[in-house]
Protein backbone atom coordinates (compact mmCIF):
# COMPACT_ATOMS: atom_id res chain seq x y z
CA UNK A 1 0.00 0.00 0.00
CA UNK A 2 2.87 2.36 0.82
CA UNK A 3 4.41 1.71 -2.61
CA UNK A 4 1.09 2.49 -4.30
CA UNK A 5 0.91 5.82 -2.46
CA UNK A 6 4.45 6.68 -3.53
CA UNK A 7 3.82 5.66 -7.13
CA UNK A 8 0.66 7.78 -7.17
CA UNK A 9 2.62 10.74 -5.79
CA UNK A 10 5.29 10.31 -8.46
CA UNK A 11 2.62 10.14 -11.19
CA UNK A 12 0.99 13.34 -9.88
CA UNK A 13 4.41 15.02 -9.82
CA UNK A 14 5.12 13.93 -13.41
CA UNK A 15 1.74 15.25 -14.54
CA UNK A 16 2.50 18.59 -12.84
CA UNK A 17 5.92 18.81 -14.49
CA UNK A 18 4.44 17.98 -17.91
CA UNK A 19 1.76 20.64 -17.43
CA UNK A 20 4.23 23.32 -16.37
CA UNK A 21 6.62 22.40 -19.19
CA UNK A 22 3.76 22.52 -21.70
CA UNK A 23 2.71 25.94 -20.46
CA UNK A 24 6.26 27.29 -20.72
CA UNK A 25 6.86 25.75 -24.17
CA UNK A 26 3.51 26.90 -25.57
CA UNK A 27 4.12 30.48 -24.49
CA UNK A 28 7.72 30.43 -25.69
CA UNK A 29 6.96 28.90 -29.08
CA UNK A 30 4.02 31.20 -29.75
CA UNK A 31 5.99 34.31 -28.76
CA UNK A 32 9.09 33.21 -30.69
CA UNK A 33 7.34 32.14 -33.89
CA UNK A 34 4.41 34.56 -34.07
CA UNK A 35 3.74 37.20 -31.44
CA UNK A 36 7.24 38.69 -31.31
CA UNK A 37 6.67 40.19 -34.77
CA UNK A 38 3.56 42.00 -33.53
CA UNK A 39 5.46 43.26 -30.52
CA UNK A 40 8.26 44.57 -32.75
CA UNK A 41 5.69 46.22 -35.03
CA UNK A 42 4.20 48.05 -32.04
CA UNK A 43 7.65 49.27 -31.00
CA UNK A 44 8.58 50.49 -34.46
CA UNK A 45 8.63 54.25 -34.85
CA UNK A 46 8.31 54.41 -38.63
CA UNK A 47 5.44 53.21 -40.77
CA UNK A 48 7.87 51.41 -43.10
CA UNK A 49 9.42 49.41 -40.24
CA UNK A 50 5.99 48.77 -38.71
CA UNK A 51 4.77 47.41 -42.07
CA UNK A 52 7.78 45.07 -42.33
CA UNK A 53 7.02 43.51 -38.94
CA UNK A 54 3.29 43.29 -39.62
CA UNK A 55 4.17 41.47 -42.88
CA UNK A 56 6.28 39.00 -40.89
CA UNK A 57 3.47 38.62 -38.36
CA UNK A 58 0.95 37.86 -41.12
CA UNK A 59 3.34 35.40 -42.79
CA UNK A 60 3.97 33.58 -39.51
CA UNK A 61 0.23 33.32 -38.87
CA UNK A 62 -0.43 32.04 -42.39
CA UNK A 63 2.25 29.37 -42.03
CA UNK A 64 1.16 28.34 -38.51
CA UNK A 65 -1.33 25.72 -39.71
CA UNK A 66 -4.22 27.47 -37.95
CA UNK A 67 -6.30 28.34 -41.01
CA UNK A 68 -9.88 27.22 -40.49
CA UNK A 69 -9.65 27.05 -36.69
CA UNK A 70 -11.72 28.82 -34.06
CA UNK A 71 -10.96 29.92 -30.53
CA UNK A 72 -14.04 27.94 -29.52
CA UNK A 73 -15.34 24.38 -29.60
CA UNK A 74 -19.11 24.73 -29.66
CA UNK A 75 -19.98 28.39 -30.08
CA UNK A 76 -18.04 29.30 -33.19
CA UNK A 77 -18.60 32.84 -34.47
CA UNK A 78 -16.88 35.03 -37.03
CA UNK A 79 -15.37 36.96 -34.11
CA UNK A 80 -13.54 33.89 -32.74
CA UNK A 81 -12.51 32.66 -36.19
CA UNK A 82 -8.80 32.60 -36.97
CA UNK A 83 -9.54 33.29 -40.64
CA UNK A 84 -11.77 36.33 -40.03
CA UNK A 85 -9.28 37.86 -37.60
CA UNK A 86 -6.45 37.27 -40.06
CA UNK A 87 -8.59 38.97 -42.70
CA UNK A 88 -8.91 42.02 -40.43
CA UNK A 89 -5.19 42.00 -39.73
CA UNK A 90 -4.56 42.11 -43.46
CA UNK A 91 -6.65 45.29 -43.71
CA UNK A 92 -4.25 46.85 -41.19
CA UNK A 93 -1.35 45.60 -43.29
CA UNK A 94 -2.83 47.25 -46.40
CA UNK A 95 -3.52 50.45 -44.46
CA UNK A 96 0.13 50.65 -43.42
CA UNK A 97 1.23 50.62 -47.05
CA UNK A 98 -1.38 53.26 -47.90
CA UNK A 99 -0.10 55.48 -45.08
CA UNK A 100 3.49 55.05 -46.18
CA UNK A 101 2.69 56.77 -49.48
CA UNK A 102 0.98 59.79 -47.83
CA UNK A 103 2.49 63.19 -47.13
CA UNK A 104 3.54 63.17 -43.46
CA UNK A 105 2.31 66.75 -43.04
CA UNK A 106 -1.23 66.03 -44.27
CA UNK A 107 -4.37 65.74 -42.17
CA UNK A 108 -5.11 62.33 -43.76
CA UNK A 109 -1.72 61.02 -42.65
CA UNK A 110 -2.21 62.19 -39.05
CA UNK A 111 -5.74 60.73 -38.94
CA UNK A 112 -4.46 57.41 -40.28
CA UNK A 113 -1.67 57.33 -37.69
CA UNK A 114 -4.23 57.93 -34.91
CA UNK A 115 -6.35 55.04 -36.24
CA UNK A 116 -3.36 52.68 -36.39
CA UNK A 117 -2.28 53.67 -32.89
CA UNK A 118 -5.78 53.13 -31.49
CA UNK A 119 -5.97 49.72 -33.12
CA UNK A 120 -2.57 48.68 -31.74
CA UNK A 121 -3.25 49.96 -28.24
CA UNK A 122 -6.55 48.30 -27.53
CA UNK A 123 -8.63 46.97 -30.33
CA UNK A 124 -5.98 44.46 -31.36
CA UNK A 125 -5.77 42.82 -27.92
CA UNK A 126 -8.83 40.67 -28.54
CA UNK A 127 -7.54 39.68 -31.97
CA UNK A 128 -4.20 38.66 -30.44
CA UNK A 129 -5.98 36.60 -27.75
CA UNK A 130 -7.91 34.79 -30.47
CA UNK A 131 -4.73 33.97 -32.39
CA UNK A 132 -3.08 32.67 -29.22
CA UNK A 133 -6.22 30.75 -28.28
CA UNK A 134 -6.26 29.05 -31.68
CA UNK A 135 -2.56 28.25 -31.24
CA UNK A 136 -3.11 26.64 -27.83
CA UNK A 137 -6.19 24.77 -29.00
CA UNK A 138 -4.31 23.34 -31.99
CA UNK A 139 -0.95 22.54 -30.39
CA UNK A 140 -1.47 22.43 -26.61
CA UNK A 141 -5.15 21.57 -26.23
CA UNK A 142 -4.85 20.97 -22.48
CA UNK A 143 -3.79 24.62 -22.03
CA UNK A 144 -6.66 26.07 -24.04
CA UNK A 145 -9.41 28.12 -22.37
CA UNK A 146 -11.85 26.29 -20.14
CA UNK A 147 -10.22 22.92 -20.85
CA UNK A 148 -7.11 24.23 -19.09
CA UNK A 149 -9.22 25.13 -16.07
CA UNK A 150 -10.71 21.63 -15.96
CA UNK A 151 -7.31 19.98 -16.33
CA UNK A 152 -5.74 22.01 -13.51
CA UNK A 153 -8.83 21.61 -11.32
CA UNK A 154 -8.71 17.84 -11.88
CA UNK A 155 -5.03 17.79 -10.98
CA UNK A 156 -5.66 19.82 -7.81
CA UNK A 157 -8.51 17.50 -6.74
CA UNK A 158 -6.30 14.46 -7.38
CA UNK A 159 -3.55 16.04 -5.27
CA UNK A 160 -5.93 16.74 -2.38
CA UNK A 161 -7.30 13.19 -2.53
CA UNK A 162 -3.76 11.80 -2.61
CA UNK A 163 -2.78 13.86 0.45
CA UNK A 164 -5.89 12.68 2.28
CA UNK A 165 -5.04 9.12 1.32
CA UNK A 166 -1.47 9.66 2.51
CA UNK A 167 -2.62 11.02 5.87
CA UNK A 168 -4.89 8.06 6.40
CA UNK A 169 -8.35 7.58 7.81
CA UNK A 170 -7.21 7.26 11.44
CA UNK A 171 -5.22 10.49 11.55
CA UNK A 172 -7.83 12.31 9.50
CA UNK A 173 -10.67 11.40 11.89
CA UNK A 174 -8.59 12.82 14.79
CA UNK A 175 -8.22 16.16 12.98
CA UNK A 176 -11.96 16.70 12.58
CA UNK A 177 -13.04 15.64 16.08
C-alpha atoms as a PDB file:
ATOM      1  CA  UNK A   1       0.000   0.000   0.000  1.00  0.00           C
ATOM      2  CA  UNK A   2       2.865   2.357   0.818  1.00  0.00           C
ATOM      3  CA  UNK A   3       4.414   1.712  -2.608  1.00  0.00           C
ATOM      4  CA  UNK A   4       1.094   2.491  -4.304  1.00  0.00           C
ATOM      5  CA  UNK A   5       0.911   5.823  -2.455  1.00  0.00           C
ATOM      6  CA  UNK A   6       4.454   6.676  -3.526  1.00  0.00           C
ATOM      7  CA  UNK A   7       3.816   5.659  -7.133  1.00  0.00           C
ATOM      8  CA  UNK A   8       0.659   7.778  -7.171  1.00  0.00           C
ATOM      9  CA  UNK A   9       2.620  10.739  -5.791  1.00  0.00           C
ATOM     10  CA  UNK A  10       5.291  10.307  -8.461  1.00  0.00           C
ATOM     11  CA  UNK A  11       2.618  10.144 -11.190  1.00  0.00           C
ATOM     12  CA  UNK A  12       0.991  13.339  -9.879  1.00  0.00           C
ATOM     13  CA  UNK A  13       4.415  15.017  -9.824  1.00  0.00           C
ATOM     14  CA  UNK A  14       5.122  13.934 -13.405  1.00  0.00           C
ATOM     15  CA  UNK A  15       1.738  15.252 -14.543  1.00  0.00           C
ATOM     16  CA  UNK A  16       2.495  18.588 -12.842  1.00  0.00           C
ATOM     17  CA  UNK A  17       5.920  18.807 -14.488  1.00  0.00           C
ATOM     18  CA  UNK A  18       4.438  17.980 -17.910  1.00  0.00           C
ATOM     19  CA  UNK A  19       1.757  20.645 -17.427  1.00  0.00           C
ATOM     20  CA  UNK A  20       4.231  23.318 -16.365  1.00  0.00           C
ATOM     21  CA  UNK A  21       6.618  22.395 -19.187  1.00  0.00           C
ATOM     22  CA  UNK A  22       3.760  22.516 -21.698  1.00  0.00           C
ATOM     23  CA  UNK A  23       2.710  25.938 -20.463  1.00  0.00           C
ATOM     24  CA  UNK A  24       6.255  27.292 -20.725  1.00  0.00           C
ATOM     25  CA  UNK A  25       6.855  25.751 -24.169  1.00  0.00           C
ATOM     26  CA  UNK A  26       3.508  26.901 -25.574  1.00  0.00           C
ATOM     27  CA  UNK A  27       4.121  30.476 -24.485  1.00  0.00           C
ATOM     28  CA  UNK A  28       7.722  30.433 -25.686  1.00  0.00           C
ATOM     29  CA  UNK A  29       6.962  28.896 -29.084  1.00  0.00           C
ATOM     30  CA  UNK A  30       4.016  31.202 -29.750  1.00  0.00           C
ATOM     31  CA  UNK A  31       5.989  34.305 -28.762  1.00  0.00           C
ATOM     32  CA  UNK A  32       9.091  33.208 -30.694  1.00  0.00           C
ATOM     33  CA  UNK A  33       7.345  32.140 -33.889  1.00  0.00           C
ATOM     34  CA  UNK A  34       4.413  34.561 -34.073  1.00  0.00           C
ATOM     35  CA  UNK A  35       3.736  37.204 -31.436  1.00  0.00           C
ATOM     36  CA  UNK A  36       7.243  38.688 -31.311  1.00  0.00           C
ATOM     37  CA  UNK A  37       6.667  40.189 -34.769  1.00  0.00           C
ATOM     38  CA  UNK A  38       3.556  42.004 -33.530  1.00  0.00           C
ATOM     39  CA  UNK A  39       5.461  43.260 -30.519  1.00  0.00           C
ATOM     40  CA  UNK A  40       8.255  44.566 -32.746  1.00  0.00           C
ATOM     41  CA  UNK A  41       5.689  46.220 -35.025  1.00  0.00           C
ATOM     42  CA  UNK A  42       4.197  48.045 -32.041  1.00  0.00           C
ATOM     43  CA  UNK A  43       7.654  49.267 -30.996  1.00  0.00           C
ATOM     44  CA  UNK A  44       8.583  50.491 -34.459  1.00  0.00           C
ATOM     45  CA  UNK A  45       8.627  54.252 -34.848  1.00  0.00           C
ATOM     46  CA  UNK A  46       8.306  54.408 -38.631  1.00  0.00           C
ATOM     47  CA  UNK A  47       5.442  53.214 -40.774  1.00  0.00           C
ATOM     48  CA  UNK A  48       7.867  51.413 -43.096  1.00  0.00           C
ATOM     49  CA  UNK A  49       9.419  49.414 -40.242  1.00  0.00           C
ATOM     50  CA  UNK A  50       5.988  48.769 -38.708  1.00  0.00           C
ATOM     51  CA  UNK A  51       4.774  47.408 -42.066  1.00  0.00           C
ATOM     52  CA  UNK A  52       7.780  45.074 -42.332  1.00  0.00           C
ATOM     53  CA  UNK A  53       7.024  43.508 -38.944  1.00  0.00           C
ATOM     54  CA  UNK A  54       3.287  43.292 -39.625  1.00  0.00           C
ATOM     55  CA  UNK A  55       4.169  41.473 -42.876  1.00  0.00           C
ATOM     56  CA  UNK A  56       6.283  39.000 -40.887  1.00  0.00           C
ATOM     57  CA  UNK A  57       3.466  38.616 -38.357  1.00  0.00           C
ATOM     58  CA  UNK A  58       0.952  37.861 -41.122  1.00  0.00           C
ATOM     59  CA  UNK A  59       3.341  35.398 -42.794  1.00  0.00           C
ATOM     60  CA  UNK A  60       3.972  33.583 -39.511  1.00  0.00           C
ATOM     61  CA  UNK A  61       0.231  33.317 -38.865  1.00  0.00           C
ATOM     62  CA  UNK A  62      -0.425  32.043 -42.393  1.00  0.00           C
ATOM     63  CA  UNK A  63       2.246  29.371 -42.032  1.00  0.00           C
ATOM     64  CA  UNK A  64       1.155  28.343 -38.512  1.00  0.00           C
ATOM     65  CA  UNK A  65      -1.332  25.725 -39.707  1.00  0.00           C
ATOM     66  CA  UNK A  66      -4.218  27.466 -37.952  1.00  0.00           C
ATOM     67  CA  UNK A  67      -6.298  28.337 -41.006  1.00  0.00           C
ATOM     68  CA  UNK A  68      -9.877  27.220 -40.488  1.00  0.00           C
ATOM     69  CA  UNK A  69      -9.646  27.048 -36.688  1.00  0.00           C
ATOM     70  CA  UNK A  70     -11.716  28.820 -34.056  1.00  0.00           C
ATOM     71  CA  UNK A  71     -10.957  29.919 -30.527  1.00  0.00           C
ATOM     72  CA  UNK A  72     -14.044  27.944 -29.524  1.00  0.00           C
ATOM     73  CA  UNK A  73     -15.337  24.384 -29.599  1.00  0.00           C
ATOM     74  CA  UNK A  74     -19.107  24.728 -29.659  1.00  0.00           C
ATOM     75  CA  UNK A  75     -19.978  28.388 -30.077  1.00  0.00           C
ATOM     76  CA  UNK A  76     -18.043  29.301 -33.193  1.00  0.00           C
ATOM     77  CA  UNK A  77     -18.604  32.839 -34.466  1.00  0.00           C
ATOM     78  CA  UNK A  78     -16.881  35.033 -37.035  1.00  0.00           C
ATOM     79  CA  UNK A  79     -15.371  36.959 -34.106  1.00  0.00           C
ATOM     80  CA  UNK A  80     -13.537  33.894 -32.744  1.00  0.00           C
ATOM     81  CA  UNK A  81     -12.508  32.659 -36.190  1.00  0.00           C
ATOM     82  CA  UNK A  82      -8.805  32.601 -36.966  1.00  0.00           C
ATOM     83  CA  UNK A  83      -9.541  33.289 -40.644  1.00  0.00           C
ATOM     84  CA  UNK A  84     -11.767  36.334 -40.033  1.00  0.00           C
ATOM     85  CA  UNK A  85      -9.283  37.859 -37.604  1.00  0.00           C
ATOM     86  CA  UNK A  86      -6.450  37.269 -40.058  1.00  0.00           C
ATOM     87  CA  UNK A  87      -8.592  38.972 -42.700  1.00  0.00           C
ATOM     88  CA  UNK A  88      -8.914  42.022 -40.428  1.00  0.00           C
ATOM     89  CA  UNK A  89      -5.191  42.003 -39.727  1.00  0.00           C
ATOM     90  CA  UNK A  90      -4.560  42.114 -43.456  1.00  0.00           C
ATOM     91  CA  UNK A  91      -6.655  45.291 -43.707  1.00  0.00           C
ATOM     92  CA  UNK A  92      -4.255  46.848 -41.189  1.00  0.00           C
ATOM     93  CA  UNK A  93      -1.352  45.600 -43.294  1.00  0.00           C
ATOM     94  CA  UNK A  94      -2.830  47.247 -46.399  1.00  0.00           C
ATOM     95  CA  UNK A  95      -3.518  50.447 -44.459  1.00  0.00           C
ATOM     96  CA  UNK A  96       0.125  50.655 -43.420  1.00  0.00           C
ATOM     97  CA  UNK A  97       1.226  50.624 -47.053  1.00  0.00           C
ATOM     98  CA  UNK A  98      -1.383  53.259 -47.901  1.00  0.00           C
ATOM     99  CA  UNK A  99      -0.102  55.479 -45.080  1.00  0.00           C
ATOM    100  CA  UNK A 100       3.491  55.049 -46.185  1.00  0.00           C
ATOM    101  CA  UNK A 101       2.691  56.775 -49.483  1.00  0.00           C
ATOM    102  CA  UNK A 102       0.985  59.787 -47.829  1.00  0.00           C
ATOM    103  CA  UNK A 103       2.488  63.190 -47.134  1.00  0.00           C
ATOM    104  CA  UNK A 104       3.536  63.172 -43.465  1.00  0.00           C
ATOM    105  CA  UNK A 105       2.311  66.750 -43.038  1.00  0.00           C
ATOM    106  CA  UNK A 106      -1.227  66.029 -44.274  1.00  0.00           C
ATOM    107  CA  UNK A 107      -4.375  65.745 -42.175  1.00  0.00           C
ATOM    108  CA  UNK A 108      -5.108  62.335 -43.763  1.00  0.00           C
ATOM    109  CA  UNK A 109      -1.721  61.020 -42.650  1.00  0.00           C
ATOM    110  CA  UNK A 110      -2.214  62.190 -39.054  1.00  0.00           C
ATOM    111  CA  UNK A 111      -5.737  60.732 -38.941  1.00  0.00           C
ATOM    112  CA  UNK A 112      -4.455  57.414 -40.279  1.00  0.00           C
ATOM    113  CA  UNK A 113      -1.665  57.334 -37.687  1.00  0.00           C
ATOM    114  CA  UNK A 114      -4.227  57.927 -34.914  1.00  0.00           C
ATOM    115  CA  UNK A 115      -6.354  55.043 -36.238  1.00  0.00           C
ATOM    116  CA  UNK A 116      -3.365  52.683 -36.391  1.00  0.00           C
ATOM    117  CA  UNK A 117      -2.275  53.669 -32.888  1.00  0.00           C
ATOM    118  CA  UNK A 118      -5.780  53.134 -31.489  1.00  0.00           C
ATOM    119  CA  UNK A 119      -5.966  49.719 -33.116  1.00  0.00           C
ATOM    120  CA  UNK A 120      -2.574  48.679 -31.743  1.00  0.00           C
ATOM    121  CA  UNK A 121      -3.248  49.963 -28.244  1.00  0.00           C
ATOM    122  CA  UNK A 122      -6.547  48.298 -27.530  1.00  0.00           C
ATOM    123  CA  UNK A 123      -8.629  46.971 -30.334  1.00  0.00           C
ATOM    124  CA  UNK A 124      -5.984  44.462 -31.360  1.00  0.00           C
ATOM    125  CA  UNK A 125      -5.772  42.824 -27.916  1.00  0.00           C
ATOM    126  CA  UNK A 126      -8.832  40.672 -28.536  1.00  0.00           C
ATOM    127  CA  UNK A 127      -7.539  39.677 -31.972  1.00  0.00           C
ATOM    128  CA  UNK A 128      -4.204  38.663 -30.444  1.00  0.00           C
ATOM    129  CA  UNK A 129      -5.977  36.601 -27.752  1.00  0.00           C
ATOM    130  CA  UNK A 130      -7.910  34.785 -30.466  1.00  0.00           C
ATOM    131  CA  UNK A 131      -4.735  33.969 -32.393  1.00  0.00           C
ATOM    132  CA  UNK A 132      -3.084  32.668 -29.221  1.00  0.00           C
ATOM    133  CA  UNK A 133      -6.224  30.745 -28.278  1.00  0.00           C
ATOM    134  CA  UNK A 134      -6.260  29.054 -31.679  1.00  0.00           C
ATOM    135  CA  UNK A 135      -2.557  28.248 -31.243  1.00  0.00           C
ATOM    136  CA  UNK A 136      -3.111  26.637 -27.835  1.00  0.00           C
ATOM    137  CA  UNK A 137      -6.189  24.767 -29.000  1.00  0.00           C
ATOM    138  CA  UNK A 138      -4.313  23.338 -31.990  1.00  0.00           C
ATOM    139  CA  UNK A 139      -0.947  22.536 -30.393  1.00  0.00           C
ATOM    140  CA  UNK A 140      -1.468  22.428 -26.608  1.00  0.00           C
ATOM    141  CA  UNK A 141      -5.155  21.573 -26.234  1.00  0.00           C
ATOM    142  CA  UNK A 142      -4.854  20.966 -22.478  1.00  0.00           C
ATOM    143  CA  UNK A 143      -3.788  24.617 -22.033  1.00  0.00           C
ATOM    144  CA  UNK A 144      -6.664  26.066 -24.036  1.00  0.00           C
ATOM    145  CA  UNK A 145      -9.409  28.122 -22.366  1.00  0.00           C
ATOM    146  CA  UNK A 146     -11.853  26.293 -20.135  1.00  0.00           C
ATOM    147  CA  UNK A 147     -10.225  22.920 -20.854  1.00  0.00           C
ATOM    148  CA  UNK A 148      -7.110  24.232 -19.092  1.00  0.00           C
ATOM    149  CA  UNK A 149      -9.220  25.133 -16.075  1.00  0.00           C
ATOM    150  CA  UNK A 150     -10.714  21.631 -15.964  1.00  0.00           C
ATOM    151  CA  UNK A 151      -7.309  19.977 -16.328  1.00  0.00           C
ATOM    152  CA  UNK A 152      -5.737  22.012 -13.511  1.00  0.00           C
ATOM    153  CA  UNK A 153      -8.826  21.605 -11.319  1.00  0.00           C
ATOM    154  CA  UNK A 154      -8.711  17.840 -11.883  1.00  0.00           C
ATOM    155  CA  UNK A 155      -5.033  17.790 -10.983  1.00  0.00           C
ATOM    156  CA  UNK A 156      -5.661  19.822  -7.807  1.00  0.00           C
ATOM    157  CA  UNK A 157      -8.507  17.504  -6.739  1.00  0.00           C
ATOM    158  CA  UNK A 158      -6.299  14.456  -7.382  1.00  0.00           C
ATOM    159  CA  UNK A 159      -3.546  16.038  -5.274  1.00  0.00           C
ATOM    160  CA  UNK A 160      -5.927  16.744  -2.380  1.00  0.00           C
ATOM    161  CA  UNK A 161      -7.296  13.192  -2.534  1.00  0.00           C
ATOM    162  CA  UNK A 162      -3.762  11.798  -2.609  1.00  0.00           C
ATOM    163  CA  UNK A 163      -2.779  13.865   0.450  1.00  0.00           C
ATOM    164  CA  UNK A 164      -5.893  12.684   2.284  1.00  0.00           C
ATOM    165  CA  UNK A 165      -5.041   9.120   1.321  1.00  0.00           C
ATOM    166  CA  UNK A 166      -1.469   9.656   2.508  1.00  0.00           C
ATOM    167  CA  UNK A 167      -2.619  11.019   5.871  1.00  0.00           C
ATOM    168  CA  UNK A 168      -4.887   8.055   6.405  1.00  0.00           C
ATOM    169  CA  UNK A 169      -8.350   7.584   7.813  1.00  0.00           C
ATOM    170  CA  UNK A 170      -7.211   7.259  11.435  1.00  0.00           C
ATOM    171  CA  UNK A 171      -5.219  10.495  11.551  1.00  0.00           C
ATOM    172  CA  UNK A 172      -7.825  12.309   9.504  1.00  0.00           C
ATOM    173  CA  UNK A 173     -10.670  11.402  11.887  1.00  0.00           C
ATOM    174  CA  UNK A 174      -8.589  12.823  14.790  1.00  0.00           C
ATOM    175  CA  UNK A 175      -8.222  16.156  12.978  1.00  0.00           C
ATOM    176  CA  UNK A 176     -11.961  16.701  12.577  1.00  0.00           C
ATOM    177  CA  UNK A 177     -13.044  15.644  16.084  1.00  0.00           C
END
